[in-house]
PDB file of all heavy atoms in Angstrom:
ATOM      1  N   LEU A   1     113.049 106.974  82.766  1.00  0.00           N
ATOM      2  CA  LEU A   1     112.015 106.453  81.873  1.00  0.00           C
ATOM      3  C   LEU A   1     111.462 105.176  82.477  1.00  0.00           C
ATOM      4  O   LEU A   1     112.204 104.222  82.703  1.00  0.00           O
ATOM      5  CB  LEU A   1     112.594 106.170  80.485  1.00  0.00           C
ATOM      6  CG  LEU A   1     111.696 105.422  79.507  1.00  0.00           C
ATOM      7  CD1 LEU A   1     110.443 106.225  79.195  1.00  0.00           C
ATOM      8  CD2 LEU A   1     112.455 105.081  78.249  1.00  0.00           C
ATOM      9  N   TRP A   2     110.161 105.166  82.757  1.00  0.00           N
ATOM     10  CA  TRP A   2     109.485 103.967  83.262  1.00  0.00           C
ATOM     11  C   TRP A   2     108.730 103.321  82.122  1.00  0.00           C
ATOM     12  O   TRP A   2     107.900 103.967  81.476  1.00  0.00           O
ATOM     13  CB  TRP A   2     108.503 104.329  84.380  1.00  0.00           C
ATOM     14  CG  TRP A   2     109.212 104.687  85.641  1.00  0.00           C
ATOM     15  CD1 TRP A   2     109.578 105.931  86.032  1.00  0.00           C
ATOM     16  CD2 TRP A   2     109.672 103.795  86.636  1.00  0.00           C
ATOM     17  NE1 TRP A   2     110.249 105.863  87.225  1.00  0.00           N
ATOM     18  CE2 TRP A   2     110.318 104.565  87.616  1.00  0.00           C
ATOM     19  CE3 TRP A   2     109.609 102.413  86.795  1.00  0.00           C
ATOM     20  CZ2 TRP A   2     110.887 104.005  88.752  1.00  0.00           C
ATOM     21  CZ3 TRP A   2     110.180 101.864  87.927  1.00  0.00           C
ATOM     22  CH2 TRP A   2     110.807 102.655  88.890  1.00  0.00           C
ATOM     23  N   VAL A   3     109.017 102.079  81.836  1.00  0.00           N
ATOM     24  CA  VAL A   3     108.289 101.295  80.833  1.00  0.00           C
ATOM     25  C   VAL A   3     107.311 100.421  81.599  1.00  0.00           C
ATOM     26  O   VAL A   3     107.714  99.626  82.454  1.00  0.00           O
ATOM     27  CB  VAL A   3     109.257 100.436  79.990  1.00  0.00           C
ATOM     28  CG1 VAL A   3     108.484  99.607  78.983  1.00  0.00           C
ATOM     29  CG2 VAL A   3     110.289 101.320  79.303  1.00  0.00           C
ATOM     30  N   VAL A   4     106.028 100.608  81.319  1.00  0.00           N
ATOM     31  CA  VAL A   4     104.964  99.950  82.071  1.00  0.00           C
ATOM     32  C   VAL A   4     104.177  99.044  81.120  1.00  0.00           C
ATOM     33  O   VAL A   4     103.923  99.402  79.975  1.00  0.00           O
ATOM     34  CB  VAL A   4     104.042 101.003  82.721  1.00  0.00           C
ATOM     35  CG1 VAL A   4     103.003 100.363  83.586  1.00  0.00           C
ATOM     36  CG2 VAL A   4     104.863 101.993  83.531  1.00  0.00           C
ATOM     37  N   LEU A   5     103.779  97.867  81.620  1.00  0.00           N
ATOM     38  CA  LEU A   5     103.188  96.850  80.747  1.00  0.00           C
ATOM     39  C   LEU A   5     101.673  96.727  80.825  1.00  0.00           C
ATOM     40  O   LEU A   5     101.088  95.980  80.046  1.00  0.00           O
ATOM     41  CB  LEU A   5     103.834  95.489  81.048  1.00  0.00           C
ATOM     42  CG  LEU A   5     105.361  95.461  80.971  1.00  0.00           C
ATOM     43  CD1 LEU A   5     105.888  94.084  81.325  1.00  0.00           C
ATOM     44  CD2 LEU A   5     105.852  95.906  79.608  1.00  0.00           C
ATOM     45  N   SER A   6     101.009  97.416  81.748  1.00  0.00           N
ATOM     46  CA  SER A   6      99.544  97.337  81.819  1.00  0.00           C
ATOM     47  C   SER A   6      98.947  98.731  81.933  1.00  0.00           C
ATOM     48  O   SER A   6      99.573  99.650  82.472  1.00  0.00           O
ATOM     49  CB  SER A   6      99.095  96.487  83.018  1.00  0.00           C
ATOM     50  OG  SER A   6      99.246  97.205  84.225  1.00  0.00           O
ATOM     51  N   SER A   7      97.728  98.905  81.449  1.00  0.00           N
ATOM     52  CA  SER A   7      97.093 100.225  81.463  1.00  0.00           C
ATOM     53  C   SER A   7      96.833 100.710  82.887  1.00  0.00           C
ATOM     54  O   SER A   7      97.033 101.885  83.191  1.00  0.00           O
ATOM     55  CB  SER A   7      95.797 100.204  80.663  1.00  0.00           C
ATOM     56  OG  SER A   7      94.873  99.298  81.248  1.00  0.00           O
ATOM     57  N   HIS A   8      96.388  99.810  83.765  1.00  0.00           N
ATOM     58  CA  HIS A   8      96.112 100.206  85.148  1.00  0.00           C
ATOM     59  C   HIS A   8      97.384 100.688  85.840  1.00  0.00           C
ATOM     60  O   HIS A   8      97.396 101.742  86.480  1.00  0.00           O
ATOM     61  CB  HIS A   8      95.493  99.031  85.924  1.00  0.00           C
ATOM     62  CG  HIS A   8      95.282  99.324  87.368  1.00  0.00           C
ATOM     63  ND1 HIS A   8      94.280 100.168  87.800  1.00  0.00           N
ATOM     64  CD2 HIS A   8      95.947  98.924  88.473  1.00  0.00           C
ATOM     65  CE1 HIS A   8      94.343 100.270  89.120  1.00  0.00           C
ATOM     66  NE2 HIS A   8      95.347  99.509  89.549  1.00  0.00           N
ATOM     67  N   ARG A   9      98.445  99.947  85.675  1.00  0.00           N
ATOM     68  CA  ARG A   9      99.712 100.319  86.301  1.00  0.00           C
ATOM     69  C   ARG A   9     100.268 101.594  85.669  1.00  0.00           C
ATOM     70  O   ARG A   9     100.870 102.431  86.342  1.00  0.00           O
ATOM     71  CB  ARG A   9     100.702  99.171  86.171  1.00  0.00           C
ATOM     72  CG  ARG A   9     101.953  99.351  86.945  1.00  0.00           C
ATOM     73  CD  ARG A   9     101.700  99.419  88.435  1.00  0.00           C
ATOM     74  NE  ARG A   9     102.983  99.336  89.125  1.00  0.00           N
ATOM     75  CZ  ARG A   9     103.133  99.048  90.381  1.00  0.00           C
ATOM     76  NH1 ARG A   9     102.078  98.839  91.129  1.00  0.00           N
ATOM     77  NH2 ARG A   9     104.316  98.967  90.901  1.00  0.00           N
ATOM     78  N   ALA A  10     100.055 101.769  84.372  1.00  0.00           N
ATOM     79  CA  ALA A  10     100.503 102.986  83.697  1.00  0.00           C
ATOM     80  C   ALA A  10      99.829 104.210  84.310  1.00  0.00           C
ATOM     81  O   ALA A  10     100.471 105.246  84.504  1.00  0.00           O
ATOM     82  CB  ALA A  10     100.219 102.906  82.204  1.00  0.00           C
ATOM     83  N   GLN A  11      98.554 104.094  84.642  1.00  0.00           N
ATOM     84  CA  GLN A  11      97.848 105.203  85.292  1.00  0.00           C
ATOM     85  C   GLN A  11      98.440 105.490  86.662  1.00  0.00           C
ATOM     86  O   GLN A  11      98.657 106.644  87.020  1.00  0.00           O
ATOM     87  CB  GLN A  11      96.363 104.884  85.432  1.00  0.00           C
ATOM     88  CG  GLN A  11      95.612 104.949  84.127  1.00  0.00           C
ATOM     89  CD  GLN A  11      94.148 104.604  84.327  1.00  0.00           C
ATOM     90  OE1 GLN A  11      93.806 103.716  85.098  1.00  0.00           O
ATOM     91  NE2 GLN A  11      93.294 105.329  83.628  1.00  0.00           N
ATOM     92  N   GLU A  12      98.702 104.438  87.444  1.00  0.00           N
ATOM     93  CA  GLU A  12      99.250 104.615  88.786  1.00  0.00           C
ATOM     94  C   GLU A  12     100.639 105.259  88.751  1.00  0.00           C
ATOM     95  O   GLU A  12     100.901 106.220  89.478  1.00  0.00           O
ATOM     96  CB  GLU A  12      99.334 103.274  89.521  1.00  0.00           C
ATOM     97  CG  GLU A  12      98.006 102.691  89.900  1.00  0.00           C
ATOM     98  CD  GLU A  12      98.136 101.359  90.616  1.00  0.00           C
ATOM     99  OE1 GLU A  12      99.162 100.666  90.453  1.00  0.00           O
ATOM    100  OE2 GLU A  12      97.207 101.023  91.348  1.00  0.00           O
ATOM    101  N   VAL A  13     101.508 104.722  87.916  1.00  0.00           N
ATOM    102  CA  VAL A  13     102.866 105.256  87.829  1.00  0.00           C
ATOM    103  C   VAL A  13     102.838 106.661  87.220  1.00  0.00           C
ATOM    104  O   VAL A  13     103.588 107.545  87.629  1.00  0.00           O
ATOM    105  CB  VAL A  13     103.794 104.309  87.033  1.00  0.00           C
ATOM    106  CG1 VAL A  13     105.178 104.911  86.846  1.00  0.00           C
ATOM    107  CG2 VAL A  13     103.891 102.959  87.740  1.00  0.00           C
ATOM    108  N   GLY A  14     101.932 106.873  86.268  1.00  0.00           N
ATOM    109  CA  GLY A  14     101.774 108.206  85.674  1.00  0.00           C
ATOM    110  C   GLY A  14     101.344 109.240  86.694  1.00  0.00           C
ATOM    111  O   GLY A  14     101.859 110.365  86.713  1.00  0.00           O
ATOM    112  N   GLU A  15     100.405 108.882  87.563  1.00  0.00           N
ATOM    113  CA  GLU A  15      99.971 109.803  88.617  1.00  0.00           C
ATOM    114  C   GLU A  15     101.114 110.106  89.574  1.00  0.00           C
ATOM    115  O   GLU A  15     101.284 111.251  90.008  1.00  0.00           O
ATOM    116  CB  GLU A  15      98.782 109.221  89.376  1.00  0.00           C
ATOM    117  CG  GLU A  15      97.499 109.228  88.584  1.00  0.00           C
ATOM    118  CD  GLU A  15      96.347 108.541  89.301  1.00  0.00           C
ATOM    119  OE1 GLU A  15      96.423 108.351  90.537  1.00  0.00           O
ATOM    120  OE2 GLU A  15      95.377 108.192  88.621  1.00  0.00           O
ATOM    121  N   LEU A  16     101.888 109.100  89.914  1.00  0.00           N
ATOM    122  CA  LEU A  16     103.045 109.293  90.784  1.00  0.00           C
ATOM    123  C   LEU A  16     104.044 110.258  90.126  1.00  0.00           C
ATOM    124  O   LEU A  16     104.530 111.193  90.762  1.00  0.00           O
ATOM    125  CB  LEU A  16     103.720 107.958  91.082  1.00  0.00           C
ATOM    126  CG  LEU A  16     104.970 108.007  91.953  1.00  0.00           C
ATOM    127  CD1 LEU A  16     104.637 108.502  93.351  1.00  0.00           C
ATOM    128  CD2 LEU A  16     105.598 106.626  92.018  1.00  0.00           C
ATOM    129  N   ALA A  17     104.322 110.046  88.852  1.00  0.00           N
ATOM    130  CA  ALA A  17     105.262 110.909  88.127  1.00  0.00           C
ATOM    131  C   ALA A  17     104.735 112.339  88.060  1.00  0.00           C
ATOM    132  O   ALA A  17     105.497 113.297  88.255  1.00  0.00           O
ATOM    133  CB  ALA A  17     105.513 110.360  86.726  1.00  0.00           C
ATOM    134  N   ARG A  18     103.434 112.495  87.793  1.00  0.00           N
ATOM    135  CA  ARG A  18     102.853 113.849  87.741  1.00  0.00           C
ATOM    136  C   ARG A  18     102.966 114.560  89.088  1.00  0.00           C
ATOM    137  O   ARG A  18     103.241 115.760  89.141  1.00  0.00           O
ATOM    138  CB  ARG A  18     101.402 113.796  87.290  1.00  0.00           C
ATOM    139  CG  ARG A  18     101.250 113.592  85.807  1.00  0.00           C
ATOM    140  CD  ARG A  18      99.790 113.706  85.373  1.00  0.00           C
ATOM    141  NE  ARG A  18      99.560 112.924  84.195  1.00  0.00           N
ATOM    142  CZ  ARG A  18      99.236 111.637  84.164  1.00  0.00           C
ATOM    143  NH1 ARG A  18      99.062 110.972  85.271  1.00  0.00           N
ATOM    144  NH2 ARG A  18      99.060 111.012  83.021  1.00  0.00           N
ATOM    145  N   SER A  19     102.765 113.829  90.176  1.00  0.00           N
ATOM    146  CA  SER A  19     102.887 114.452  91.499  1.00  0.00           C
ATOM    147  C   SER A  19     104.327 114.907  91.753  1.00  0.00           C
ATOM    148  O   SER A  19     104.554 115.960  92.339  1.00  0.00           O
ATOM    149  CB  SER A  19     102.405 113.508  92.606  1.00  0.00           C
ATOM    150  OG  SER A  19     103.304 112.447  92.801  1.00  0.00           O
ATOM    151  N   TRP A  20     105.287 114.109  91.288  1.00  0.00           N
ATOM    152  CA  TRP A  20     106.697 114.505  91.410  1.00  0.00           C
ATOM    153  C   TRP A  20     106.968 115.753  90.588  1.00  0.00           C
ATOM    154  O   TRP A  20     107.679 116.643  91.022  1.00  0.00           O
ATOM    155  CB  TRP A  20     107.602 113.373  90.942  1.00  0.00           C
ATOM    156  CG  TRP A  20     108.004 112.483  92.059  1.00  0.00           C
ATOM    157  CD1 TRP A  20     107.253 111.491  92.617  1.00  0.00           C
ATOM    158  CD2 TRP A  20     109.221 112.510  92.772  1.00  0.00           C
ATOM    159  NE1 TRP A  20     107.946 110.895  93.623  1.00  0.00           N
ATOM    160  CE2 TRP A  20     109.156 111.495  93.746  1.00  0.00           C
ATOM    161  CE3 TRP A  20     110.374 113.283  92.677  1.00  0.00           C
ATOM    162  CZ2 TRP A  20     110.197 111.243  94.622  1.00  0.00           C
ATOM    163  CZ3 TRP A  20     111.414 113.022  93.551  1.00  0.00           C
ATOM    164  CH2 TRP A  20     111.321 112.018  94.512  1.00  0.00           C
ATOM    165  N   LEU A  21     106.390 115.811  89.392  1.00  0.00           N
ATOM    166  CA  LEU A  21     106.633 116.952  88.523  1.00  0.00           C
ATOM    167  C   LEU A  21     106.006 118.225  89.081  1.00  0.00           C
ATOM    168  O   LEU A  21     106.511 119.320  88.839  1.00  0.00           O
ATOM    169  CB  LEU A  21     106.126 116.665  87.110  1.00  0.00           C
ATOM    170  CG  LEU A  21     106.941 115.623  86.347  1.00  0.00           C
ATOM    171  CD1 LEU A  21     106.248 115.250  85.051  1.00  0.00           C
ATOM    172  CD2 LEU A  21     108.356 116.123  86.095  1.00  0.00           C
ATOM    173  N   GLU A  22     104.907 118.111  89.805  1.00  0.00           N
ATOM    174  CA  GLU A  22     104.319 119.282  90.448  1.00  0.00           C
ATOM    175  C   GLU A  22     105.245 119.818  91.532  1.00  0.00           C
ATOM    176  O   GLU A  22     105.378 121.024  91.704  1.00  0.00           O
ATOM    177  CB  GLU A  22     102.958 118.936  91.053  1.00  0.00           C
ATOM    178  CG  GLU A  22     101.868 118.775  90.033  1.00  0.00           C
ATOM    179  CD  GLU A  22     100.541 118.378  90.650  1.00  0.00           C
ATOM    180  OE1 GLU A  22     100.365 118.541  91.878  1.00  0.00           O
ATOM    181  OE2 GLU A  22      99.673 117.910  89.906  1.00  0.00           O
ATOM    182  N   GLU A  23     105.871 118.907  92.251  1.00  0.00           N
ATOM    183  CA  GLU A  23     106.769 119.295  93.335  1.00  0.00           C
ATOM    184  C   GLU A  23     108.141 119.730  92.822  1.00  0.00           C
ATOM    185  O   GLU A  23     108.745 120.645  93.351  1.00  0.00           O
ATOM    186  CB  GLU A  23     106.934 118.127  94.308  1.00  0.00           C
ATOM    187  CG  GLU A  23     107.758 118.456  95.514  1.00  0.00           C
ATOM    188  CD  GLU A  23     107.853 117.298  96.488  1.00  0.00           C
ATOM    189  OE1 GLU A  23     107.021 116.375  96.418  1.00  0.00           O
ATOM    190  OE2 GLU A  23     108.768 117.316  97.316  1.00  0.00           O
ATOM    191  N   TRP A  24     108.627 119.066  91.798  1.00  0.00           N
ATOM    192  CA  TRP A  24     109.964 119.311  91.255  1.00  0.00           C
ATOM    193  C   TRP A  24     109.854 119.790  89.810  1.00  0.00           C
ATOM    194  O   TRP A  24     110.101 119.035  88.872  1.00  0.00           O
ATOM    195  CB  TRP A  24     110.810 118.037  91.314  1.00  0.00           C
ATOM    196  CG  TRP A  24     111.018 117.520  92.690  1.00  0.00           C
ATOM    197  CD1 TRP A  24     110.248 116.604  93.340  1.00  0.00           C
ATOM    198  CD2 TRP A  24     112.036 117.900  93.597  1.00  0.00           C
ATOM    199  NE1 TRP A  24     110.732 116.381  94.594  1.00  0.00           N
ATOM    200  CE2 TRP A  24     111.832 117.163  94.787  1.00  0.00           C
ATOM    201  CE3 TRP A  24     113.101 118.791  93.532  1.00  0.00           C
ATOM    202  CZ2 TRP A  24     112.661 117.299  95.890  1.00  0.00           C
ATOM    203  CZ3 TRP A  24     113.921 118.914  94.629  1.00  0.00           C
ATOM    204  CH2 TRP A  24     113.703 118.181  95.788  1.00  0.00           C
ATOM    205  N   ARG A  25     109.500 121.042  89.612  1.00  0.00           N
ATOM    206  CA  ARG A  25     109.309 121.600  88.265  1.00  0.00           C
ATOM    207  C   ARG A  25     110.571 121.479  87.403  1.00  0.00           C
ATOM    208  O   ARG A  25     110.483 121.389  86.188  1.00  0.00           O
ATOM    209  CB  ARG A  25     108.882 123.057  88.345  1.00  0.00           C
ATOM    210  CG  ARG A  25     107.565 123.265  89.031  1.00  0.00           C
ATOM    211  CD  ARG A  25     106.462 123.308  88.033  1.00  0.00           C
ATOM    212  NE  ARG A  25     105.204 123.593  88.716  1.00  0.00           N
ATOM    213  CZ  ARG A  25     104.077 123.049  88.381  1.00  0.00           C
ATOM    214  NH1 ARG A  25     104.041 122.210  87.361  1.00  0.00           N
ATOM    215  NH2 ARG A  25     102.972 123.329  89.019  1.00  0.00           N
ATOM    216  N   SER A  26     111.718 121.480  88.035  1.00  0.00           N
ATOM    217  CA  SER A  26     112.973 121.388  87.282  1.00  0.00           C
ATOM    218  C   SER A  26     113.127 120.040  86.581  1.00  0.00           C
ATOM    219  O   SER A  26     113.967 119.889  85.700  1.00  0.00           O
ATOM    220  CB  SER A  26     114.170 121.634  88.201  1.00  0.00           C
ATOM    221  OG  SER A  26     114.235 120.629  89.190  1.00  0.00           O
ATOM    222  N   LEU A  27     112.319 119.046  86.953  1.00  0.00           N
ATOM    223  CA  LEU A  27     112.393 117.724  86.327  1.00  0.00           C
ATOM    224  C   LEU A  27     111.464 117.590  85.115  1.00  0.00           C
ATOM    225  O   LEU A  27     111.375 116.528  84.516  1.00  0.00           O
ATOM    226  CB  LEU A  27     112.041 116.641  87.352  1.00  0.00           C
ATOM    227  CG  LEU A  27     112.976 116.535  88.548  1.00  0.00           C
ATOM    228  CD1 LEU A  27     112.470 115.489  89.523  1.00  0.00           C
ATOM    229  CD2 LEU A  27     114.389 116.219  88.104  1.00  0.00           C
ATOM    230  N   GLU A  28     110.783 118.660  84.764  1.00  0.00           N
ATOM    231  CA  GLU A  28     109.865 118.647  83.614  1.00  0.00           C
ATOM    232  C   GLU A  28     110.585 118.113  82.386  1.00  0.00           C
ATOM    233  O   GLU A  28     111.669 118.582  82.035  1.00  0.00           O
ATOM    234  CB  GLU A  28     109.346 120.056  83.344  1.00  0.00           C
ATOM    235  CG  GLU A  28     108.262 120.106  82.307  1.00  0.00           C
ATOM    236  CD  GLU A  28     106.938 119.561  82.817  1.00  0.00           C
ATOM    237  OE1 GLU A  28     106.603 119.811  83.983  1.00  0.00           O
ATOM    238  OE2 GLU A  28     106.264 118.857  82.048  1.00  0.00           O
TER     239      GLU A  28
END
């Protein structure tokens, strides 16, 4: 669980997490 404090950073970390989830479906 990543707790993020700004909207811009939330988008960046969210995109990173989504890319991981595309590669690692078992982590859904």
